[in-house]
Amino acid sequence: MNVDRAIFAFAGSLLLLSLALAWFISPYWLLLTAFVSSTQLQAAFTGFCPAAIAFHKFGLKEGPAFEWPPRTTSAYR
């Protein structure tokens, strides 16, 4: 498993968990859904993902979406 797949699995799990908690416990758990979704949106535009950094430190290999440290090439300028 690489960092990209771990991020998708982690985010998907958090989203499903927060929806279940909102259904069974309290609608305030939807704030977790909003947080995870906004973090995904922010990472899509900036390339910065704190969870990707954490998974990289846990020893997962890099995937094509989240490389740490990010490479600066002329294709991305």
N, C-alpha and C. Protein backbone atom coordinates (compact mmCIF):
# COMPACT_ATOMS: atom_id res chain seq x y z
N MET A 1 0.86 -1.18 0.00
CA MET A 1 0.00 0.00 0.00
C MET A 1 0.90 1.23 0.00
N ASN A 2 0.52 2.21 -0.80
CA ASN A 2 1.28 3.45 -0.81
C ASN A 2 0.49 4.56 -0.09
N VAL A 3 1.10 5.72 0.01
CA VAL A 3 0.49 6.83 0.74
C VAL A 3 -0.85 7.23 0.14
N ASP A 4 -0.94 7.27 -1.17
CA ASP A 4 -2.19 7.69 -1.81
C ASP A 4 -3.36 6.79 -1.44
N ARG A 5 -3.14 5.49 -1.53
CA ARG A 5 -4.21 4.55 -1.19
C ARG A 5 -4.56 4.63 0.29
N ALA A 6 -3.55 4.83 1.13
CA ALA A 6 -3.81 4.96 2.57
C ALA A 6 -4.64 6.22 2.86
N ILE A 7 -4.36 7.31 2.16
CA ILE A 7 -5.13 8.54 2.34
C ILE A 7 -6.58 8.33 1.93
N PHE A 8 -6.79 7.70 0.79
CA PHE A 8 -8.17 7.47 0.33
C PHE A 8 -8.92 6.55 1.30
N ALA A 9 -8.25 5.51 1.79
CA ALA A 9 -8.89 4.60 2.74
C ALA A 9 -9.18 5.30 4.06
N PHE A 10 -8.24 6.10 4.54
CA PHE A 10 -8.41 6.82 5.80
C PHE A 10 -9.54 7.84 5.70
N ALA A 11 -9.54 8.63 4.63
CA ALA A 11 -10.59 9.64 4.46
C ALA A 11 -11.96 8.99 4.28
N GLY A 12 -12.03 7.94 3.49
CA GLY A 12 -13.29 7.25 3.30
C GLY A 12 -13.82 6.65 4.59
N SER A 13 -12.92 6.07 5.37
CA SER A 13 -13.32 5.50 6.66
C SER A 13 -13.82 6.56 7.61
N LEU A 14 -13.12 7.69 7.67
CA LEU A 14 -13.57 8.78 8.54
C LEU A 14 -14.92 9.33 8.10
N LEU A 15 -15.13 9.45 6.80
CA LEU A 15 -16.41 9.94 6.31
C LEU A 15 -17.56 8.99 6.67
N LEU A 16 -17.36 7.71 6.45
CA LEU A 16 -18.40 6.74 6.79
C LEU A 16 -18.64 6.68 8.30
N LEU A 17 -17.56 6.75 9.08
CA LEU A 17 -17.71 6.75 10.53
C LEU A 17 -18.47 7.97 11.01
N SER A 18 -18.14 9.14 10.47
CA SER A 18 -18.82 10.36 10.91
C SER A 18 -20.30 10.35 10.52
N LEU A 19 -20.61 9.78 9.36
CA LEU A 19 -22.01 9.68 8.96
C LEU A 19 -22.78 8.73 9.87
N ALA A 20 -22.16 7.62 10.23
CA ALA A 20 -22.82 6.68 11.15
C ALA A 20 -23.00 7.31 12.52
N LEU A 21 -21.99 8.01 13.01
CA LEU A 21 -22.11 8.67 14.30
C LEU A 21 -23.17 9.77 14.27
N ALA A 22 -23.27 10.47 13.15
CA ALA A 22 -24.30 11.51 13.03
C ALA A 22 -25.69 10.89 13.04
N TRP A 23 -25.83 9.73 12.43
CA TRP A 23 -27.14 9.07 12.37
C TRP A 23 -27.55 8.52 13.74
N PHE A 24 -26.59 7.89 14.44
CA PHE A 24 -26.93 7.20 15.68
C PHE A 24 -26.70 8.03 16.95
N ILE A 25 -25.80 8.97 16.93
CA ILE A 25 -25.44 9.69 18.16
C ILE A 25 -25.91 11.14 18.14
N SER A 26 -25.33 11.93 17.23
CA SER A 26 -25.64 13.36 17.21
C SER A 26 -25.30 13.94 15.84
N PRO A 27 -26.14 14.85 15.35
CA PRO A 27 -25.84 15.46 14.05
C PRO A 27 -24.58 16.33 14.06
N TYR A 28 -24.07 16.63 15.23
CA TYR A 28 -22.83 17.42 15.30
C TYR A 28 -21.63 16.66 14.74
N TRP A 29 -21.74 15.34 14.59
CA TRP A 29 -20.67 14.57 13.98
C TRP A 29 -20.51 14.91 12.51
N LEU A 30 -21.48 15.57 11.92
CA LEU A 30 -21.34 16.00 10.53
C LEU A 30 -20.25 17.06 10.38
N LEU A 31 -19.84 17.67 11.48
CA LEU A 31 -18.71 18.60 11.43
C LEU A 31 -17.42 17.86 11.06
N LEU A 32 -17.30 16.61 11.49
CA LEU A 32 -16.14 15.81 11.08
C LEU A 32 -16.19 15.54 9.58
N THR A 33 -17.37 15.28 9.06
CA THR A 33 -17.54 15.10 7.61
C THR A 33 -17.10 16.35 6.87
N ALA A 34 -17.52 17.50 7.35
CA ALA A 34 -17.14 18.77 6.72
C ALA A 34 -15.64 19.00 6.80
N PHE A 35 -15.03 18.66 7.93
CA PHE A 35 -13.58 18.84 8.08
C PHE A 35 -12.81 17.95 7.12
N VAL A 36 -13.17 16.68 7.05
CA VAL A 36 -12.47 15.75 6.15
C VAL A 36 -12.64 16.18 4.70
N SER A 37 -13.84 16.57 4.33
CA SER A 37 -14.10 17.00 2.95
C SER A 37 -13.33 18.27 2.60
N SER A 38 -13.29 19.21 3.53
CA SER A 38 -12.56 20.46 3.25
C SER A 38 -11.06 20.21 3.18
N THR A 39 -10.55 19.27 3.97
CA THR A 39 -9.14 18.94 3.90
C THR A 39 -8.80 18.28 2.57
N GLN A 40 -9.69 17.42 2.07
CA GLN A 40 -9.47 16.81 0.76
C GLN A 40 -9.47 17.86 -0.35
N LEU A 41 -10.39 18.78 -0.26
CA LEU A 41 -10.46 19.84 -1.27
C LEU A 41 -9.20 20.71 -1.23
N GLN A 42 -8.76 21.07 -0.03
CA GLN A 42 -7.56 21.87 0.12
C GLN A 42 -6.34 21.12 -0.43
N ALA A 43 -6.23 19.83 -0.16
CA ALA A 43 -5.09 19.05 -0.64
C ALA A 43 -5.10 18.93 -2.16
N ALA A 44 -6.28 18.91 -2.75
CA ALA A 44 -6.36 18.83 -4.21
C ALA A 44 -5.78 20.07 -4.87
N PHE A 45 -5.94 21.22 -4.24
CA PHE A 45 -5.45 22.46 -4.85
C PHE A 45 -4.02 22.80 -4.44
N THR A 46 -3.62 22.47 -3.21
CA THR A 46 -2.30 22.87 -2.74
C THR A 46 -1.27 21.76 -2.78
N GLY A 47 -1.73 20.50 -2.75
CA GLY A 47 -0.80 19.39 -2.68
C GLY A 47 -0.28 19.11 -1.29
N PHE A 48 -0.72 19.88 -0.30
CA PHE A 48 -0.29 19.70 1.08
C PHE A 48 -1.33 18.88 1.83
N CYS A 49 -0.90 17.76 2.38
CA CYS A 49 -1.81 16.88 3.13
C CYS A 49 -1.10 16.41 4.39
N PRO A 50 -1.52 16.88 5.56
CA PRO A 50 -0.86 16.46 6.80
C PRO A 50 -0.91 14.95 7.02
N ALA A 51 -2.00 14.31 6.63
CA ALA A 51 -2.09 12.86 6.79
C ALA A 51 -1.07 12.14 5.90
N ALA A 52 -0.81 12.68 4.72
CA ALA A 52 0.19 12.09 3.83
C ALA A 52 1.58 12.15 4.46
N ILE A 53 1.87 13.24 5.14
CA ILE A 53 3.15 13.37 5.82
C ILE A 53 3.26 12.33 6.93
N ALA A 54 2.16 12.16 7.69
CA ALA A 54 2.16 11.18 8.78
C ALA A 54 2.33 9.76 8.23
N PHE A 55 1.61 9.40 7.18
CA PHE A 55 1.74 8.06 6.61
C PHE A 55 3.14 7.83 6.05
N HIS A 56 3.73 8.87 5.49
CA HIS A 56 5.10 8.75 4.98
C HIS A 56 6.06 8.47 6.13
N LYS A 57 5.86 9.14 7.27
CA LYS A 57 6.72 8.91 8.44
C LYS A 57 6.51 7.52 9.03
N PHE A 58 5.33 6.93 8.81
CA PHE A 58 5.07 5.56 9.26
C PHE A 58 5.72 4.53 8.35
N GLY A 59 6.30 4.99 7.26
CA GLY A 59 7.06 4.09 6.40
C GLY A 59 6.38 3.66 5.12
N LEU A 60 5.23 4.23 4.80
CA LEU A 60 4.59 3.88 3.53
C LEU A 60 5.34 4.54 2.39
N LYS A 61 5.40 3.85 1.27
CA LYS A 61 6.10 4.41 0.12
C LYS A 61 5.23 5.48 -0.55
N GLU A 62 5.89 6.36 -1.25
CA GLU A 62 5.20 7.47 -1.89
C GLU A 62 4.36 7.00 -3.06
N GLY A 63 3.27 7.70 -3.27
CA GLY A 63 2.45 7.48 -4.45
C GLY A 63 2.60 8.68 -5.36
N PRO A 64 1.95 8.67 -6.49
CA PRO A 64 2.12 9.78 -7.43
C PRO A 64 1.46 11.09 -7.00
N ALA A 65 0.46 11.04 -6.13
CA ALA A 65 -0.26 12.26 -5.79
C ALA A 65 0.42 13.05 -4.68
N PHE A 66 0.89 12.36 -3.66
CA PHE A 66 1.47 13.04 -2.50
C PHE A 66 2.92 12.63 -2.34
N GLU A 67 3.82 13.41 -2.88
CA GLU A 67 5.24 13.15 -2.73
C GLU A 67 5.78 14.10 -1.66
N TRP A 68 6.57 13.55 -0.75
CA TRP A 68 7.12 14.39 0.31
C TRP A 68 8.60 14.17 0.38
N PRO A 69 9.43 15.17 0.29
CA PRO A 69 9.06 16.55 0.01
C PRO A 69 8.63 16.71 -1.44
N PRO A 70 7.76 17.67 -1.70
CA PRO A 70 7.27 17.85 -3.06
C PRO A 70 8.39 18.23 -4.02
N ARG A 71 8.32 17.68 -5.21
CA ARG A 71 9.32 18.01 -6.24
C ARG A 71 8.87 19.28 -6.96
N THR A 72 9.82 20.10 -7.27
CA THR A 72 9.51 21.29 -8.06
C THR A 72 10.08 21.09 -9.45
N THR A 73 9.21 20.92 -10.40
CA THR A 73 9.64 20.76 -11.77
C THR A 73 8.96 21.82 -12.61
N SER A 74 9.45 21.98 -13.79
CA SER A 74 8.88 23.00 -14.67
C SER A 74 7.47 22.66 -15.09
N ALA A 75 7.10 21.39 -15.03
CA ALA A 75 5.74 20.98 -15.44
C ALA A 75 4.69 21.47 -14.45
N TYR A 76 5.09 21.74 -13.21
CA TYR A 76 4.12 22.14 -12.18
C TYR A 76 4.16 23.64 -11.90
N ARG A 77 4.89 24.39 -12.66
CA ARG A 77 4.97 25.84 -12.40
C ARG A 77 3.93 26.58 -13.15
